[in-house]
All heavy atoms as atom14 arrays in JSON, in Angstrom:
{
  "sequence": "TFQLFPISRWESFRYTILPSFALGLGSIATITRLMRSSMLDVISQDY",
  "atom14_mask": [
    [1, 1, 1, 1, 1, 1, 1, 0, 0, 0, 0, 0, 0, 0],
    [1, 1, 1, 1, 1, 1, 1, 1, 1, 1, 1, 0, 0, 0],
    [1, 1, 1, 1, 1, 1, 1, 1, 1, 0, 0, 0, 0, 0],
    [1, 1, 1, 1, 1, 1, 1, 1, 0, 0, 0, 0, 0, 0],
    [1, 1, 1, 1, 1, 1, 1, 1, 1, 1, 1, 0, 0, 0],
    [1, 1, 1, 1, 1, 1, 1, 0, 0, 0, 0, 0, 0, 0],
    [1, 1, 1, 1, 1, 1, 1, 1, 0, 0, 0, 0, 0, 0],
    [1, 1, 1, 1, 1, 1, 0, 0, 0, 0, 0, 0, 0, 0],
    [1, 1, 1, 1, 1, 1, 1, 1, 1, 1, 1, 0, 0, 0],
    [1, 1, 1, 1, 1, 1, 1, 1, 1, 1, 1, 1, 1, 1],
    [1, 1, 1, 1, 1, 1, 1, 1, 1, 0, 0, 0, 0, 0],
    [1, 1, 1, 1, 1, 1, 0, 0, 0, 0, 0, 0, 0, 0],
    [1, 1, 1, 1, 1, 1, 1, 1, 1, 1, 1, 0, 0, 0],
    [1, 1, 1, 1, 1, 1, 1, 1, 1, 1, 1, 0, 0, 0],
    [1, 1, 1, 1, 1, 1, 1, 1, 1, 1, 1, 1, 0, 0],
    [1, 1, 1, 1, 1, 1, 1, 0, 0, 0, 0, 0, 0, 0],
    [1, 1, 1, 1, 1, 1, 1, 1, 0, 0, 0, 0, 0, 0],
    [1, 1, 1, 1, 1, 1, 1, 1, 0, 0, 0, 0, 0, 0],
    [1, 1, 1, 1, 1, 1, 1, 0, 0, 0, 0, 0, 0, 0],
    [1, 1, 1, 1, 1, 1, 0, 0, 0, 0, 0, 0, 0, 0],
    [1, 1, 1, 1, 1, 1, 1, 1, 1, 1, 1, 0, 0, 0],
    [1, 1, 1, 1, 1, 0, 0, 0, 0, 0, 0, 0, 0, 0],
    [1, 1, 1, 1, 1, 1, 1, 1, 0, 0, 0, 0, 0, 0],
    [1, 1, 1, 1, 0, 0, 0, 0, 0, 0, 0, 0, 0, 0],
    [1, 1, 1, 1, 1, 1, 1, 1, 0, 0, 0, 0, 0, 0],
    [1, 1, 1, 1, 0, 0, 0, 0, 0, 0, 0, 0, 0, 0],
    [1, 1, 1, 1, 1, 1, 0, 0, 0, 0, 0, 0, 0, 0],
    [1, 1, 1, 1, 1, 1, 1, 1, 0, 0, 0, 0, 0, 0],
    [1, 1, 1, 1, 1, 0, 0, 0, 0, 0, 0, 0, 0, 0],
    [1, 1, 1, 1, 1, 1, 1, 0, 0, 0, 0, 0, 0, 0],
    [1, 1, 1, 1, 1, 1, 1, 1, 0, 0, 0, 0, 0, 0],
    [1, 1, 1, 1, 1, 1, 1, 0, 0, 0, 0, 0, 0, 0],
    [1, 1, 1, 1, 1, 1, 1, 1, 1, 1, 1, 0, 0, 0],
    [1, 1, 1, 1, 1, 1, 1, 1, 0, 0, 0, 0, 0, 0],
    [1, 1, 1, 1, 1, 1, 1, 1, 0, 0, 0, 0, 0, 0],
    [1, 1, 1, 1, 1, 1, 1, 1, 1, 1, 1, 0, 0, 0],
    [1, 1, 1, 1, 1, 1, 0, 0, 0, 0, 0, 0, 0, 0],
    [1, 1, 1, 1, 1, 1, 0, 0, 0, 0, 0, 0, 0, 0],
    [1, 1, 1, 1, 1, 1, 1, 1, 0, 0, 0, 0, 0, 0],
    [1, 1, 1, 1, 1, 1, 1, 1, 0, 0, 0, 0, 0, 0],
    [1, 1, 1, 1, 1, 1, 1, 1, 0, 0, 0, 0, 0, 0],
    [1, 1, 1, 1, 1, 1, 1, 0, 0, 0, 0, 0, 0, 0],
    [1, 1, 1, 1, 1, 1, 1, 1, 0, 0, 0, 0, 0, 0],
    [1, 1, 1, 1, 1, 1, 0, 0, 0, 0, 0, 0, 0, 0],
    [1, 1, 1, 1, 1, 1, 1, 1, 1, 0, 0, 0, 0, 0],
    [1, 1, 1, 1, 1, 1, 1, 1, 0, 0, 0, 0, 0, 0],
    [1, 1, 1, 1, 1, 1, 1, 1, 1, 1, 1, 1, 0, 0]
  ],
  "atom14_positions": [
    [[25.94, 17.45, -5.66], [25.79, 16.5, -6.77], [25.24, 15.15, -6.29], [25.11, 14.21, -7.09], [27.16, 16.26, -7.45], [28.09, 15.76, -6.49], [27.69, 17.55, -8.04], [0.0, 0.0, 0.0], [0.0, 0.0, 0.0], [0.0, 0.0, 0.0], [0.0, 0.0, 0.0], [0.0, 0.0, 0.0], [0.0, 0.0, 0.0], [0.0, 0.0, 0.0]],
    [[24.94, 15.06, -5.01], [24.43, 13.83, -4.44], [23.02, 13.55, -4.96], [22.15, 14.41, -4.88], [24.41, 13.93, -2.91], [23.88, 12.71, -2.21], [24.69, 11.62, -2.03], [22.58, 12.68, -1.74], [24.22, 10.48, -1.38], [22.09, 11.56, -1.09], [22.91, 10.46, -0.91], [0.0, 0.0, 0.0], [0.0, 0.0, 0.0], [0.0, 0.0, 0.0]],
    [[22.79, 12.34, -5.52], [21.49, 11.96, -6.02], [20.74, 11.17, -4.96], [21.19, 10.1, -4.53], [21.6, 11.13, -7.3], [20.26, 10.9, -7.99], [20.42, 10.26, -9.35], [21.51, 9.81, -9.72], [19.34, 10.22, -10.12], [0.0, 0.0, 0.0], [0.0, 0.0, 0.0], [0.0, 0.0, 0.0], [0.0, 0.0, 0.0], [0.0, 0.0, 0.0]],
    [[19.59, 11.71, -4.54], [18.85, 11.12, -3.43], [18.33, 9.73, -3.78], [18.46, 8.79, -3.0], [17.7, 12.05, -3.04], [16.96, 11.72, -1.74], [17.92, 11.77, -0.57], [15.81, 12.69, -1.54], [0.0, 0.0, 0.0], [0.0, 0.0, 0.0], [0.0, 0.0, 0.0], [0.0, 0.0, 0.0], [0.0, 0.0, 0.0], [0.0, 0.0, 0.0]],
    [[17.72, 9.59, -4.95], [17.17, 8.31, -5.4], [17.72, 7.98, -6.77], [17.19, 8.44, -7.78], [15.63, 8.37, -5.43], [14.98, 8.55, -4.1], [14.43, 9.78, -3.76], [14.9, 7.51, -3.19], [13.83, 9.96, -2.53], [14.29, 7.68, -1.97], [13.76, 8.91, -1.63], [0.0, 0.0, 0.0], [0.0, 0.0, 0.0], [0.0, 0.0, 0.0]],
    [[18.8, 7.2, -6.85], [19.34, 6.81, -8.16], [18.34, 5.98, -8.95], [17.55, 5.22, -8.39], [20.58, 5.97, -7.79], [20.91, 6.37, -6.39], [19.61, 6.69, -5.74], [0.0, 0.0, 0.0], [0.0, 0.0, 0.0], [0.0, 0.0, 0.0], [0.0, 0.0, 0.0], [0.0, 0.0, 0.0], [0.0, 0.0, 0.0], [0.0, 0.0, 0.0]],
    [[18.36, 6.15, -10.27], [17.35, 5.49, -11.11], [17.9, 4.25, -11.83], [17.15, 3.6, -12.56], [16.8, 6.48, -12.16], [17.91, 6.99, -13.06], [16.08, 7.63, -11.48], [17.42, 7.88, -14.19], [0.0, 0.0, 0.0], [0.0, 0.0, 0.0], [0.0, 0.0, 0.0], [0.0, 0.0, 0.0], [0.0, 0.0, 0.0], [0.0, 0.0, 0.0]],
    [[19.15, 3.92, -11.64], [19.7, 2.73, -12.3], [20.89, 2.2, -11.51], [21.4, 2.86, -10.61], [20.14, 3.04, -13.73], [21.2, 3.98, -13.74], [0.0, 0.0, 0.0], [0.0, 0.0, 0.0], [0.0, 0.0, 0.0], [0.0, 0.0, 0.0], [0.0, 0.0, 0.0], [0.0, 0.0, 0.0], [0.0, 0.0, 0.0], [0.0, 0.0, 0.0]],
    [[21.26, 0.97, -11.85], [22.35, 0.21, -11.22], [21.94, -0.34, -9.85], [20.86, -0.07, -9.36], [23.64, 1.03, -11.13], [24.25, 1.34, -12.5], [25.55, 2.09, -12.35], [25.37, 3.4, -11.69], [26.36, 4.2, -11.33], [27.62, 3.83, -11.53], [26.13, 5.36, -10.75], [0.0, 0.0, 0.0], [0.0, 0.0, 0.0], [0.0, 0.0, 0.0]],
    [[22.85, -1.16, -9.28], [22.57, -1.86, -8.03], [23.82, -1.81, -7.17], [24.68, -2.68, -7.24], [22.16, -3.31, -8.35], [21.7, -4.09, -7.17], [22.42, -4.99, -6.45], [20.4, -4.07, -6.57], [21.66, -5.54, -5.44], [20.41, -4.98, -5.5], [19.23, -3.35, -6.83], [19.3, -5.21, -4.71], [18.13, -3.58, -6.05], [18.16, -4.5, -5.0]],
    [[23.92, -0.77, -6.36], [25.13, -0.58, -5.57], [24.81, -0.47, -4.09], [24.74, -1.48, -3.39], [25.87, 0.67, -6.08], [26.36, 0.52, -7.52], [27.09, 1.75, -8.04], [27.3, 2.69, -7.25], [27.46, 1.77, -9.24], [0.0, 0.0, 0.0], [0.0, 0.0, 0.0], [0.0, 0.0, 0.0], [0.0, 0.0, 0.0], [0.0, 0.0, 0.0]],
    [[24.57, 0.72, -3.59], [24.3, 0.9, -2.16], [22.79, 0.82, -1.89], [21.99, 0.57, -2.78], [24.87, 2.24, -1.69], [24.25, 3.31, -2.37], [0.0, 0.0, 0.0], [0.0, 0.0, 0.0], [0.0, 0.0, 0.0], [0.0, 0.0, 0.0], [0.0, 0.0, 0.0], [0.0, 0.0, 0.0], [0.0, 0.0, 0.0], [0.0, 0.0, 0.0]],
    [[22.43, 1.09, -0.63], [21.02, 0.99, -0.23], [20.14, 1.95, -1.01], [18.99, 1.62, -1.32], [20.91, 1.27, 1.28], [19.49, 1.33, 1.77], [18.75, 0.17, 1.94], [18.89, 2.55, 2.06], [17.44, 0.22, 2.39], [17.58, 2.61, 2.5], [16.86, 1.44, 2.68], [0.0, 0.0, 0.0], [0.0, 0.0, 0.0], [0.0, 0.0, 0.0]],
    [[20.65, 3.13, -1.33], [19.84, 4.12, -2.06], [19.36, 3.57, -3.41], [18.28, 3.91, -3.86], [20.66, 5.39, -2.3], [20.98, 6.18, -1.05], [21.7, 7.47, -1.38], [22.99, 7.23, -2.02], [23.28, 7.56, -3.26], [22.37, 8.12, -4.03], [24.48, 7.3, -3.76], [0.0, 0.0, 0.0], [0.0, 0.0, 0.0], [0.0, 0.0, 0.0]],
    [[20.17, 2.71, -4.03], [19.82, 2.17, -5.34], [18.69, 1.13, -5.26], [18.1, 0.78, -6.29], [21.05, 1.53, -5.98], [22.11, 2.52, -6.39], [23.02, 3.02, -5.45], [22.23, 2.96, -7.7], [24.0, 3.93, -5.81], [23.21, 3.86, -8.07], [24.09, 4.34, -7.12], [25.07, 5.24, -7.49], [0.0, 0.0, 0.0], [0.0, 0.0, 0.0]],
    [[18.42, 0.62, -4.07], [17.44, -0.44, -3.92], [16.03, 0.06, -3.59], [15.07, -0.72, -3.66], [17.88, -1.4, -2.81], [17.82, -0.73, -1.54], [19.3, -1.89, -3.04], [0.0, 0.0, 0.0], [0.0, 0.0, 0.0], [0.0, 0.0, 0.0], [0.0, 0.0, 0.0], [0.0, 0.0, 0.0], [0.0, 0.0, 0.0], [0.0, 0.0, 0.0]],
    [[15.9, 1.34, -3.23], [14.62, 1.84, -2.73], [13.55, 1.83, -3.82], [12.47, 1.24, -3.66], [14.78, 3.25, -2.15], [15.73, 3.22, -0.95], [13.43, 3.83, -1.74], [16.05, 4.59, -0.38], [0.0, 0.0, 0.0], [0.0, 0.0, 0.0], [0.0, 0.0, 0.0], [0.0, 0.0, 0.0], [0.0, 0.0, 0.0], [0.0, 0.0, 0.0]],
    [[13.82, 2.47, -4.94], [12.81, 2.58, -6.0], [12.45, 1.23, -6.61], [11.25, 0.92, -6.75], [13.29, 3.55, -7.08], [13.44, 5.03, -6.64], [13.82, 5.89, -7.84], [12.15, 5.54, -6.01], [0.0, 0.0, 0.0], [0.0, 0.0, 0.0], [0.0, 0.0, 0.0], [0.0, 0.0, 0.0], [0.0, 0.0, 0.0], [0.0, 0.0, 0.0]],
    [[13.41, 0.38, -7.01], [13.0, -0.91, -7.58], [12.29, -1.81, -6.59], [11.38, -2.56, -6.97], [14.33, -1.52, -8.05], [15.39, -0.8, -7.32], [14.88, 0.57, -7.1], [0.0, 0.0, 0.0], [0.0, 0.0, 0.0], [0.0, 0.0, 0.0], [0.0, 0.0, 0.0], [0.0, 0.0, 0.0], [0.0, 0.0, 0.0], [0.0, 0.0, 0.0]],
    [[12.66, -1.76, -5.32], [11.98, -2.57, -4.31], [10.53, -2.14, -4.15], [9.62, -2.98, -4.05], [12.71, -2.49, -2.97], [14.03, -2.97, -3.07], [0.0, 0.0, 0.0], [0.0, 0.0, 0.0], [0.0, 0.0, 0.0], [0.0, 0.0, 0.0], [0.0, 0.0, 0.0], [0.0, 0.0, 0.0], [0.0, 0.0, 0.0], [0.0, 0.0, 0.0]],
    [[10.3, -0.84, -4.14], [8.93, -0.35, -4.01], [8.12, -0.69, -5.26], [6.95, -1.09, -5.16], [8.94, 1.17, -3.79], [7.56, 1.76, -3.61], [6.92, 1.66, -2.4], [6.92, 2.4, -4.65], [5.65, 2.19, -2.22], [5.66, 2.94, -4.49], [5.02, 2.83, -3.27], [0.0, 0.0, 0.0], [0.0, 0.0, 0.0], [0.0, 0.0, 0.0]],
    [[8.72, -0.54, -6.45], [8.02, -0.84, -7.69], [7.65, -2.32, -7.77], [6.57, -2.68, -8.26], [8.87, -0.44, -8.89], [0.0, 0.0, 0.0], [0.0, 0.0, 0.0], [0.0, 0.0, 0.0], [0.0, 0.0, 0.0], [0.0, 0.0, 0.0], [0.0, 0.0, 0.0], [0.0, 0.0, 0.0], [0.0, 0.0, 0.0], [0.0, 0.0, 0.0]],
    [[8.53, -3.18, -7.3], [8.28, -4.62, -7.35], [7.31, -5.06, -6.26], [6.55, -6.01, -6.46], [9.6, -5.38, -7.21], [9.55, -6.9, -7.31], [9.01, -7.33, -8.68], [10.92, -7.51, -7.07], [0.0, 0.0, 0.0], [0.0, 0.0, 0.0], [0.0, 0.0, 0.0], [0.0, 0.0, 0.0], [0.0, 0.0, 0.0], [0.0, 0.0, 0.0]],
    [[7.3, -4.38, -5.13], [6.5, -4.82, -4.0], [5.11, -4.25, -3.91], [4.29, -4.76, -3.14], [0.0, 0.0, 0.0], [0.0, 0.0, 0.0], [0.0, 0.0, 0.0], [0.0, 0.0, 0.0], [0.0, 0.0, 0.0], [0.0, 0.0, 0.0], [0.0, 0.0, 0.0], [0.0, 0.0, 0.0], [0.0, 0.0, 0.0], [0.0, 0.0, 0.0]],
    [[4.79, -3.19, -4.7], [3.49, -2.56, -4.55], [2.35, -3.5, -4.91], [1.31, -3.51, -4.24], [3.42, -1.29, -5.41], [2.13, -0.46, -5.25], [1.97, -0.01, -3.81], [2.14, 0.74, -6.17], [0.0, 0.0, 0.0], [0.0, 0.0, 0.0], [0.0, 0.0, 0.0], [0.0, 0.0, 0.0], [0.0, 0.0, 0.0], [0.0, 0.0, 0.0]],
    [[2.51, -4.28, -5.96], [1.46, -5.24, -6.32], [1.22, -6.26, -5.21], [0.08, -6.63, -4.94], [0.0, 0.0, 0.0], [0.0, 0.0, 0.0], [0.0, 0.0, 0.0], [0.0, 0.0, 0.0], [0.0, 0.0, 0.0], [0.0, 0.0, 0.0], [0.0, 0.0, 0.0], [0.0, 0.0, 0.0], [0.0, 0.0, 0.0], [0.0, 0.0, 0.0]],
    [[2.29, -6.69, -4.55], [2.14, -7.64, -3.45], [1.49, -6.98, -2.24], [0.73, -7.62, -1.5], [3.51, -8.21, -3.06], [4.11, -8.88, -4.15], [0.0, 0.0, 0.0], [0.0, 0.0, 0.0], [0.0, 0.0, 0.0], [0.0, 0.0, 0.0], [0.0, 0.0, 0.0], [0.0, 0.0, 0.0], [0.0, 0.0, 0.0], [0.0, 0.0, 0.0]],
    [[1.79, -5.7, -2.02], [1.13, -4.95, -0.93], [-0.37, -4.96, -1.13], [-1.15, -5.18, -0.19], [1.65, -3.51, -0.86], [3.09, -3.47, -0.36], [0.78, -2.66, 0.06], [3.68, -2.09, -0.34], [0.0, 0.0, 0.0], [0.0, 0.0, 0.0], [0.0, 0.0, 0.0], [0.0, 0.0, 0.0], [0.0, 0.0, 0.0], [0.0, 0.0, 0.0]],
    [[-0.8, -4.72, -2.36], [-2.23, -4.69, -2.66], [-2.89, -6.03, -2.37], [-3.96, -6.1, -1.74], [-2.43, -4.31, -4.13], [0.0, 0.0, 0.0], [0.0, 0.0, 0.0], [0.0, 0.0, 0.0], [0.0, 0.0, 0.0], [0.0, 0.0, 0.0], [0.0, 0.0, 0.0], [0.0, 0.0, 0.0], [0.0, 0.0, 0.0], [0.0, 0.0, 0.0]],
    [[-2.25, -7.12, -2.78], [-2.81, -8.46, -2.55], [-2.88, -8.78, -1.07], [-3.91, -9.27, -0.57], [-1.96, -9.51, -3.28], [-1.91, -9.2, -4.68], [-2.53, -10.9, -3.09], [0.0, 0.0, 0.0], [0.0, 0.0, 0.0], [0.0, 0.0, 0.0], [0.0, 0.0, 0.0], [0.0, 0.0, 0.0], [0.0, 0.0, 0.0], [0.0, 0.0, 0.0]],
    [[-1.8, -8.54, -0.35], [-1.76, -8.85, 1.08], [-2.75, -7.98, 1.86], [-3.42, -8.46, 2.78], [-0.33, -8.67, 1.63], [0.61, -9.69, 0.99], [-0.29, -8.83, 3.15], [2.07, -9.49, 1.35], [0.0, 0.0, 0.0], [0.0, 0.0, 0.0], [0.0, 0.0, 0.0], [0.0, 0.0, 0.0], [0.0, 0.0, 0.0], [0.0, 0.0, 0.0]],
    [[-2.86, -6.71, 1.5], [-3.78, -5.81, 2.19], [-5.22, -6.29, 2.04], [-5.97, -6.37, 3.03], [-3.65, -4.39, 1.63], [-2.32, -3.91, 1.86], [-4.63, -3.45, 2.31], [0.0, 0.0, 0.0], [0.0, 0.0, 0.0], [0.0, 0.0, 0.0], [0.0, 0.0, 0.0], [0.0, 0.0, 0.0], [0.0, 0.0, 0.0], [0.0, 0.0, 0.0]],
    [[-5.63, -6.59, 0.84], [-7.01, -7.06, 0.61], [-7.28, -8.37, 1.33], [-8.35, -8.56, 1.94], [-7.25, -7.21, -0.89], [-7.21, -5.91, -1.67], [-7.4, -6.16, -3.15], [-8.69, -6.76, -3.41], [-9.05, -7.27, -4.59], [-8.17, -7.29, -5.58], [-10.25, -7.78, -4.78], [0.0, 0.0, 0.0], [0.0, 0.0, 0.0], [0.0, 0.0, 0.0]],
    [[-6.32, -9.29, 1.26], [-6.51, -10.59, 1.9], [-6.54, -10.46, 3.42], [-7.39, -11.08, 4.09], [-5.39, -11.54, 1.47], [-5.51, -12.99, 1.92], [-6.78, -13.61, 1.37], [-4.3, -13.78, 1.45], [0.0, 0.0, 0.0], [0.0, 0.0, 0.0], [0.0, 0.0, 0.0], [0.0, 0.0, 0.0], [0.0, 0.0, 0.0], [0.0, 0.0, 0.0]],
    [[-5.64, -9.66, 3.97], [-5.6, -9.48, 5.42], [-6.86, -8.78, 5.91], [-7.4, -9.13, 6.99], [-4.35, -8.68, 5.81], [-4.07, -8.64, 7.3], [-3.6, -10.28, 7.91], [-3.67, -10.02, 9.67], [0.0, 0.0, 0.0], [0.0, 0.0, 0.0], [0.0, 0.0, 0.0], [0.0, 0.0, 0.0], [0.0, 0.0, 0.0], [0.0, 0.0, 0.0]],
    [[-7.33, -7.83, 5.17], [-8.55, -7.1, 5.56], [-9.75, -8.04, 5.61], [-10.5, -8.07, 6.6], [-8.81, -5.96, 4.58], [-10.12, -5.21, 4.81], [-10.34, -4.17, 3.72], [-11.61, -3.46, 3.9], [-12.78, -3.9, 3.44], [-12.84, -5.06, 2.79], [-13.88, -3.2, 3.64], [0.0, 0.0, 0.0], [0.0, 0.0, 0.0], [0.0, 0.0, 0.0]],
    [[-9.97, -8.81, 4.54], [-11.12, -9.71, 4.51], [-11.0, -10.81, 5.56], [-12.0, -11.21, 6.18], [-11.24, -10.33, 3.11], [-10.09, -11.08, 2.78], [0.0, 0.0, 0.0], [0.0, 0.0, 0.0], [0.0, 0.0, 0.0], [0.0, 0.0, 0.0], [0.0, 0.0, 0.0], [0.0, 0.0, 0.0], [0.0, 0.0, 0.0], [0.0, 0.0, 0.0]],
    [[-9.78, -11.31, 5.77], [-9.58, -12.35, 6.78], [-9.82, -11.81, 8.19], [-10.43, -12.48, 9.03], [-8.17, -12.92, 6.66], [-7.96, -13.97, 7.58], [0.0, 0.0, 0.0], [0.0, 0.0, 0.0], [0.0, 0.0, 0.0], [0.0, 0.0, 0.0], [0.0, 0.0, 0.0], [0.0, 0.0, 0.0], [0.0, 0.0, 0.0], [0.0, 0.0, 0.0]],
    [[-9.36, -10.59, 8.45], [-9.58, -9.97, 9.75], [-11.06, -9.73, 10.01], [-11.56, -9.98, 11.12], [-8.81, -8.65, 9.85], [-7.37, -8.79, 10.26], [-7.15, -9.14, 12.03], [-7.76, -7.61, 12.76], [0.0, 0.0, 0.0], [0.0, 0.0, 0.0], [0.0, 0.0, 0.0], [0.0, 0.0, 0.0], [0.0, 0.0, 0.0], [0.0, 0.0, 0.0]],
    [[-11.78, -9.26, 9.01], [-13.21, -9.02, 9.18], [-13.96, -10.32, 9.48], [-14.92, -10.32, 10.27], [-13.78, -8.37, 7.92], [-13.36, -6.92, 7.66], [-13.9, -6.43, 6.32], [-13.85, -6.01, 8.78], [0.0, 0.0, 0.0], [0.0, 0.0, 0.0], [0.0, 0.0, 0.0], [0.0, 0.0, 0.0], [0.0, 0.0, 0.0], [0.0, 0.0, 0.0]],
    [[-13.5, -11.41, 8.88], [-14.14, -12.7, 9.14], [-13.84, -13.17, 10.56], [-14.72, -13.71, 11.26], [-13.65, -13.73, 8.13], [-14.28, -15.09, 8.34], [-15.5, -15.22, 8.19], [-13.53, -16.04, 8.66], [0.0, 0.0, 0.0], [0.0, 0.0, 0.0], [0.0, 0.0, 0.0], [0.0, 0.0, 0.0], [0.0, 0.0, 0.0], [0.0, 0.0, 0.0]],
    [[-12.6, -12.98, 11.02], [-12.22, -13.42, 12.36], [-12.91, -12.58, 13.43], [-13.35, -13.11, 14.47], [-10.69, -13.35, 12.52], [-10.29, -13.57, 13.98], [-10.02, -14.38, 11.64], [0.0, 0.0, 0.0], [0.0, 0.0, 0.0], [0.0, 0.0, 0.0], [0.0, 0.0, 0.0], [0.0, 0.0, 0.0], [0.0, 0.0, 0.0], [0.0, 0.0, 0.0]],
    [[-13.01, -11.28, 13.19], [-13.62, -10.38, 14.18], [-15.05, -10.79, 14.5], [-15.53, -10.63, 15.64], [-13.56, -8.92, 13.68], [-12.11, -8.43, 13.71], [-14.45, -8.0, 14.51], [-11.93, -7.05, 13.1], [0.0, 0.0, 0.0], [0.0, 0.0, 0.0], [0.0, 0.0, 0.0], [0.0, 0.0, 0.0], [0.0, 0.0, 0.0], [0.0, 0.0, 0.0]],
    [[-15.76, -11.33, 13.52], [-17.16, -11.69, 13.73], [-17.36, -13.06, 14.37], [-18.5, -13.48, 14.59], [-17.9, -11.66, 12.38], [-17.33, -12.62, 11.49], [0.0, 0.0, 0.0], [0.0, 0.0, 0.0], [0.0, 0.0, 0.0], [0.0, 0.0, 0.0], [0.0, 0.0, 0.0], [0.0, 0.0, 0.0], [0.0, 0.0, 0.0], [0.0, 0.0, 0.0]],
    [[-16.26, -13.77, 14.68], [-16.39, -15.11, 15.26], [-16.82, -15.04, 16.73], [-16.59, -14.04, 17.42], [-15.05, -15.84, 15.15], [-14.58, -16.09, 13.73], [-15.52, -16.99, 12.95], [-16.04, -17.98, 13.48], [-15.76, -16.65, 11.69], [0.0, 0.0, 0.0], [0.0, 0.0, 0.0], [0.0, 0.0, 0.0], [0.0, 0.0, 0.0], [0.0, 0.0, 0.0]],
    [[-17.43, -16.12, 17.19], [-17.97, -16.17, 18.55], [-16.88, -16.13, 19.6], [-17.06, -15.55, 20.69], [-18.83, -17.43, 18.74], [-20.11, -17.38, 17.92], [-20.56, -16.26, 17.61], [-20.66, -18.46, 17.6], [0.0, 0.0, 0.0], [0.0, 0.0, 0.0], [0.0, 0.0, 0.0], [0.0, 0.0, 0.0], [0.0, 0.0, 0.0], [0.0, 0.0, 0.0]],
    [[-15.71, -16.76, 19.32], [-14.67, -16.79, 20.36], [-14.07, -15.41, 20.61], [-13.53, -15.15, 21.69], [-13.59, -17.81, 20.01], [-12.79, -17.49, 18.77], [-11.66, -16.68, 18.82], [-13.14, -18.04, 17.55], [-10.92, -16.4, 17.69], [-12.41, -17.78, 16.4], [-11.3, -16.96, 16.47], [-10.57, -16.69, 15.35], [0.0, 0.0, 0.0], [0.0, 0.0, 0.0]]
  ]
}
């Protein structure tokens, strides 16, 4: 009867996985694009 990924409430670590991923995916997209473009700019520098 153990539920691997609970879909509601805020109790143990298992309850935090799905909402944390849902809230953080948009930020992942922003950071990924920004880090990629910034890295490409740095890689082409003379130093």
